[in-house]
Protein backbone atom coordinates (compact mmCIF):
# COMPACT_ATOMS: atom_id res chain seq x y z
CA MET A 1 11.95 -15.20 14.57
CA LYS A 2 11.42 -16.94 11.33
CA GLU A 3 14.57 -17.10 8.93
CA PHE A 4 14.23 -17.19 4.97
CA ASN A 5 16.76 -18.15 2.82
CA ILE A 6 16.37 -14.91 0.35
CA SER A 7 19.33 -14.77 -2.23
CA LYS A 8 20.09 -11.34 -4.05
CA ASN A 9 18.38 -12.11 -7.11
CA ILE A 10 15.16 -14.02 -6.07
CA LYS A 11 12.09 -13.40 -8.12
CA ALA A 12 9.24 -11.81 -6.71
CA GLU A 13 7.21 -14.73 -7.15
CA GLU A 14 9.36 -17.00 -5.30
CA ILE A 15 9.36 -14.61 -2.42
CA LEU A 16 5.94 -15.00 -2.58
CA LYS A 17 5.72 -18.88 -2.39
CA LYS A 18 9.00 -19.01 0.53
CA VAL A 19 6.50 -16.93 2.48
CA PHE A 20 3.56 -19.24 2.20
CA GLU A 21 6.10 -22.30 3.12
CA ASN A 22 6.01 -20.34 6.62
CA PHE A 23 2.58 -19.12 6.99
CA SER A 24 -0.96 -20.24 6.61
CA ASP A 25 -3.43 -18.74 4.16
CA GLU A 26 -5.08 -16.93 7.25
CA GLU A 27 -2.06 -15.68 8.66
CA ILE A 28 -0.72 -13.39 5.77
CA ALA A 29 -2.60 -11.06 3.43
CA LEU A 30 -1.87 -8.43 0.73
CA SER A 31 -2.22 -5.07 1.78
CA SER A 32 -3.67 -3.16 -1.15
CA SER A 33 -4.27 0.52 -2.01
CA LEU A 34 -4.84 -0.64 -5.76
CA SER A 35 -1.41 0.76 -6.35
CA TYR A 36 0.41 -0.25 -9.64
CA GLU A 37 2.49 -2.38 -7.05
CA ASP A 38 -0.46 -3.62 -5.33
CA GLN A 39 -2.23 -4.67 -8.61
CA VAL A 40 1.00 -6.38 -9.83
CA LEU A 41 1.14 -8.30 -6.54
CA THR A 42 -3.16 -9.41 -6.79
CA ASP A 43 -2.19 -10.76 -9.99
CA MET A 44 1.02 -12.74 -8.97
CA LEU A 45 -1.21 -14.23 -6.08
CA TYR A 46 -3.66 -15.18 -7.99
CA LYS A 47 -1.88 -17.37 -10.20
CA LEU A 48 -0.22 -18.80 -7.21
CA ARG A 49 -3.21 -19.46 -4.66
CA ILE A 50 -6.34 -18.37 -6.23
CA HIS A 51 -7.30 -17.71 -2.64
CA PHE A 52 -5.83 -15.18 -0.50
CA ARG A 53 -6.37 -12.25 1.82
CA VAL A 54 -6.48 -8.93 0.98
CA PHE A 55 -7.65 -6.32 2.82
CA MET A 56 -7.73 -2.32 1.61
CA ILE A 57 -8.34 0.68 3.80
CA ASP A 58 -11.26 2.76 2.72
CA THR A 59 -10.12 6.29 4.34
CA GLY A 60 -13.35 8.05 3.02
CA ARG A 61 -11.58 10.16 1.03
CA HIS A 62 -10.07 8.15 -1.99
CA PHE A 63 -10.48 9.29 -6.01
CA GLN A 64 -13.24 7.48 -7.73
CA GLU A 65 -10.86 5.76 -9.90
CA THR A 66 -9.53 3.99 -6.88
CA TYR A 67 -13.01 2.46 -6.53
CA ASP A 68 -13.43 2.01 -10.20
CA VAL A 69 -10.25 -0.24 -10.16
CA MET A 70 -11.13 -2.22 -7.26
CA GLN A 71 -14.51 -2.88 -9.31
CA LYS A 72 -12.47 -4.17 -12.36
CA THR A 73 -10.14 -6.14 -9.83
CA ILE A 74 -12.90 -7.87 -8.15
CA GLU A 75 -14.55 -8.80 -11.41
CA LYS A 76 -11.21 -9.97 -13.03
CA TYR A 77 -9.90 -12.20 -9.92
CA ASN A 78 -13.23 -13.20 -8.26
CA ILE A 79 -11.63 -11.85 -4.87
CA GLN A 80 -13.40 -10.38 -2.02
CA TYR A 81 -11.61 -7.27 0.01
CA GLU A 82 -11.33 -6.91 3.33
CA THR A 83 -12.18 -3.47 3.23
CA VAL A 84 -11.36 -1.63 6.51
CA PHE A 85 -13.06 2.06 7.75
CA PRO A 86 -11.78 4.39 9.99
CA ASN A 87 -13.80 4.30 13.64
CA ALA A 88 -16.84 7.00 12.92
CA GLU A 89 -16.56 8.50 16.23
CA ASP A 90 -12.72 9.24 15.64
CA VAL A 91 -13.51 11.06 12.24
CA GLU A 92 -16.52 12.84 13.71
CA ASN A 93 -14.33 14.06 16.52
CA LEU A 94 -11.31 14.87 13.81
CA LEU A 95 -13.82 17.16 12.07
CA LYS A 96 -15.46 18.78 15.17
CA GLU A 97 -12.25 19.90 16.83
CA LYS A 98 -10.12 20.91 13.57
CA GLY A 99 -12.09 20.98 10.19
CA PRO A 100 -12.29 18.94 7.02
CA ASN A 101 -9.01 20.44 6.10
CA SER A 102 -6.75 20.52 8.97
CA PHE A 103 -3.79 18.51 7.46
CA TYR A 104 -2.91 21.36 5.16
CA GLU A 105 -1.87 23.13 8.30
CA SER A 106 1.10 21.04 9.91
CA VAL A 107 2.50 17.72 9.36
CA GLU A 108 1.35 16.98 12.68
CA ASN A 109 -2.40 17.48 11.71
CA ARG A 110 -1.78 15.87 8.86
CA LYS A 111 -0.31 12.50 10.57
CA HIS A 112 -3.05 12.78 13.04
CA CYS A 113 -5.66 12.27 10.13
CA CYS A 114 -3.55 9.69 8.50
CA TYR A 115 -3.49 7.78 12.09
CA ILE A 116 -7.45 8.35 12.10
CA ARG A 117 -8.41 7.35 8.79
CA LYS A 118 -5.61 4.83 7.92
CA VAL A 119 -3.13 3.67 10.87
CA LYS A 120 -5.71 2.93 13.22
CA PRO A 121 -8.07 1.10 11.10
CA ALA A 122 -5.31 -1.22 9.87
CA GLN A 123 -4.15 -1.86 13.39
CA ARG A 124 -7.55 -3.82 13.77
CA ILE A 125 -6.31 -6.15 10.78
CA PHE A 126 -2.95 -6.44 12.11
CA THR A 127 -4.09 -8.33 14.88
CA THR A 128 -5.02 -11.33 12.60
CA LEU A 129 -1.96 -11.30 10.67
CA ASP A 130 1.18 -12.69 11.14
CA ALA A 131 2.79 -11.30 8.15
CA MET A 132 1.39 -8.54 5.56
CA ILE A 133 2.80 -8.66 2.04
CA THR A 134 3.37 -4.87 0.84
CA GLY A 135 3.98 -3.08 -2.69
CA LEU A 136 7.08 -1.26 -1.30
CA ARG A 137 10.19 -0.62 -3.27
CA ARG A 138 13.40 1.21 -2.64
CA GLU A 139 13.03 3.31 -5.78
CA GLN A 140 10.11 5.00 -4.16
CA SER A 141 11.62 7.38 -1.55
CA ASN A 142 15.01 7.97 0.44
CA LEU A 143 12.89 6.88 3.50
CA ARG A 144 12.83 3.44 2.05
CA ASN A 145 16.10 2.80 0.18
CA ASN A 146 17.18 0.56 2.85
CA LEU A 147 14.41 -1.77 2.05
CA GLU A 148 14.64 -5.71 2.46
CA ALA A 149 12.29 -8.41 0.82
CA ILE A 150 11.06 -9.54 4.08
CA GLU A 151 11.20 -7.57 7.55
CA TYR A 152 10.02 -7.70 10.98
CA ASP A 153 8.14 -4.86 11.91
CA GLU A 154 8.80 -4.21 16.05
CA ASN A 155 5.89 -2.13 15.85
CA THR A 156 3.14 -4.24 14.78
CA LYS A 157 4.55 -7.34 15.56
CA ILE A 158 4.38 -8.94 12.27
CA TYR A 159 6.86 -9.72 9.05
CA LYS A 160 6.39 -7.13 6.29
CA ILE A 161 6.84 -9.10 2.89
CA ASN A 162 7.84 -6.81 0.13
CA PRO A 163 8.39 -9.21 -2.90
CA LEU A 164 8.86 -5.92 -5.55
CA TYR A 165 11.55 -4.24 -3.02
CA ASN A 166 13.83 -3.77 -6.02
CA TRP A 167 11.78 -3.45 -8.95
CA THR A 168 12.25 -0.26 -10.91
CA SER A 169 9.07 1.62 -12.02
CA GLN A 170 9.45 0.63 -15.39
CA MET A 171 9.28 -3.24 -14.40
CA VAL A 172 6.23 -2.19 -12.22
CA ILE A 173 4.53 -1.01 -15.78
CA ASP A 174 5.71 -3.66 -18.16
CA TYR A 175 4.37 -6.10 -15.98
CA ILE A 176 1.10 -3.92 -15.75
CA LYS A 177 0.91 -4.31 -19.42
CA THR A 178 2.40 -7.36 -20.15
CA ASN A 179 -0.13 -9.33 -17.92
CA LYS A 180 -3.32 -6.83 -18.84
CA VAL A 181 -3.47 -6.49 -15.31
CA PRO A 182 -6.44 -3.50 -14.53
CA TYR A 183 -5.01 -0.03 -12.73
CA ASN A 184 -6.27 3.03 -11.91
CA ILE A 185 -6.18 5.35 -14.60
CA LEU A 186 -5.20 8.28 -12.73
CA HIS A 187 -1.64 6.70 -13.44
CA ASP A 188 -1.95 7.91 -17.36
CA LYS A 189 -2.86 11.24 -16.44
CA GLY A 190 0.64 11.87 -14.53
CA TYR A 191 -0.54 10.37 -10.78
CA PHE A 192 1.79 8.00 -9.90
CA SER A 193 1.68 7.29 -5.89
CA ILE A 194 -2.09 7.54 -5.38
CA GLY A 195 -3.31 8.29 -1.69
CA CYS A 196 -6.55 10.20 -0.64
CA MET A 197 -7.81 13.15 -2.93
CA PRO A 198 -6.94 15.78 -0.82
CA CYS A 199 -3.71 14.72 -0.87
CA THR A 200 -2.99 13.57 -4.19
CA THR A 201 -1.75 15.59 -6.94
CA PRO A 202 -0.12 14.63 -10.62
CA VAL A 203 3.91 14.30 -10.50
CA LYS A 204 5.43 16.34 -13.10
CA GLU A 205 8.46 15.13 -15.36
CA GLY A 206 11.52 14.98 -13.43
CA GLU A 207 9.93 14.89 -9.74
CA ASP A 208 10.36 11.89 -7.00
CA ILE A 209 7.49 9.26 -8.13
CA ARG A 210 6.39 10.26 -4.22
CA ALA A 211 6.13 14.07 -5.13
CA GLY A 212 2.71 14.24 -5.76
CA ARG A 213 1.37 13.00 -2.26
CA TRP A 214 1.25 15.86 0.64
CA ARG A 215 3.04 18.14 -1.98
CA TRP A 216 2.70 21.02 0.50
CA GLU A 217 5.49 19.24 2.83
CA ASN A 218 9.12 18.44 3.01
CA ALA A 219 10.25 15.27 1.40
CA THR A 220 11.15 14.10 4.80
CA HIS A 221 7.74 13.85 5.98
CA LYS A 222 5.82 12.02 3.38
CA GLU A 223 4.96 9.08 5.12
CA CYS A 224 1.21 8.28 6.39
CA GLY A 225 3.12 6.10 9.31
CA LEU A 226 1.85 2.93 8.17
CA HIS A 227 5.17 1.50 6.96
CA ILE A 228 7.50 3.63 9.36
CA LYS A 229 9.92 0.94 10.98
């Protein structure tokens, strides 16, 4: 196990610098869903490294606006995404056995869909990594309120680097605006946490920032399985 000297008030950029002191460029990658947070990290990494690995899991059910911000990001930073897709046979079997909307029927079905479309494809990337940079923040949900800057995931056997772990939503938005970072325009329409189109709705005033994800489910279930410890 590696040891990292992370002080309480360390800046996100300093966390990234420490990580690259411990891993080669090929051993670490940013996991991006083109969210506010991932866009902040893309900008930070570009300023720090210029060339870095970044992957995006294309579930096949994203909003067009997600692809639009991906294109803008490619053009602004001259980066190449490692785009990972679900296994075609897995998706075909899922739809054949349960239909296109089975995720509405139960938490079990929804997590199965997430596993086929997101978790399983991500596992292929994990085999090439020793560390993964994420946009996870404590404020995002109760399931994440004990998040640390750097954690070791026993399931994936890789380090999770969470440079924005103690950032507030306002800090993220301020960074986006100050640095003129491309972002998903759905954020301007009340969407905060953006995933697959059928599973994402706008967040109402006063709601938790992840309330729009899988709105039909109890809040205790609202993870896809990719970031469960």
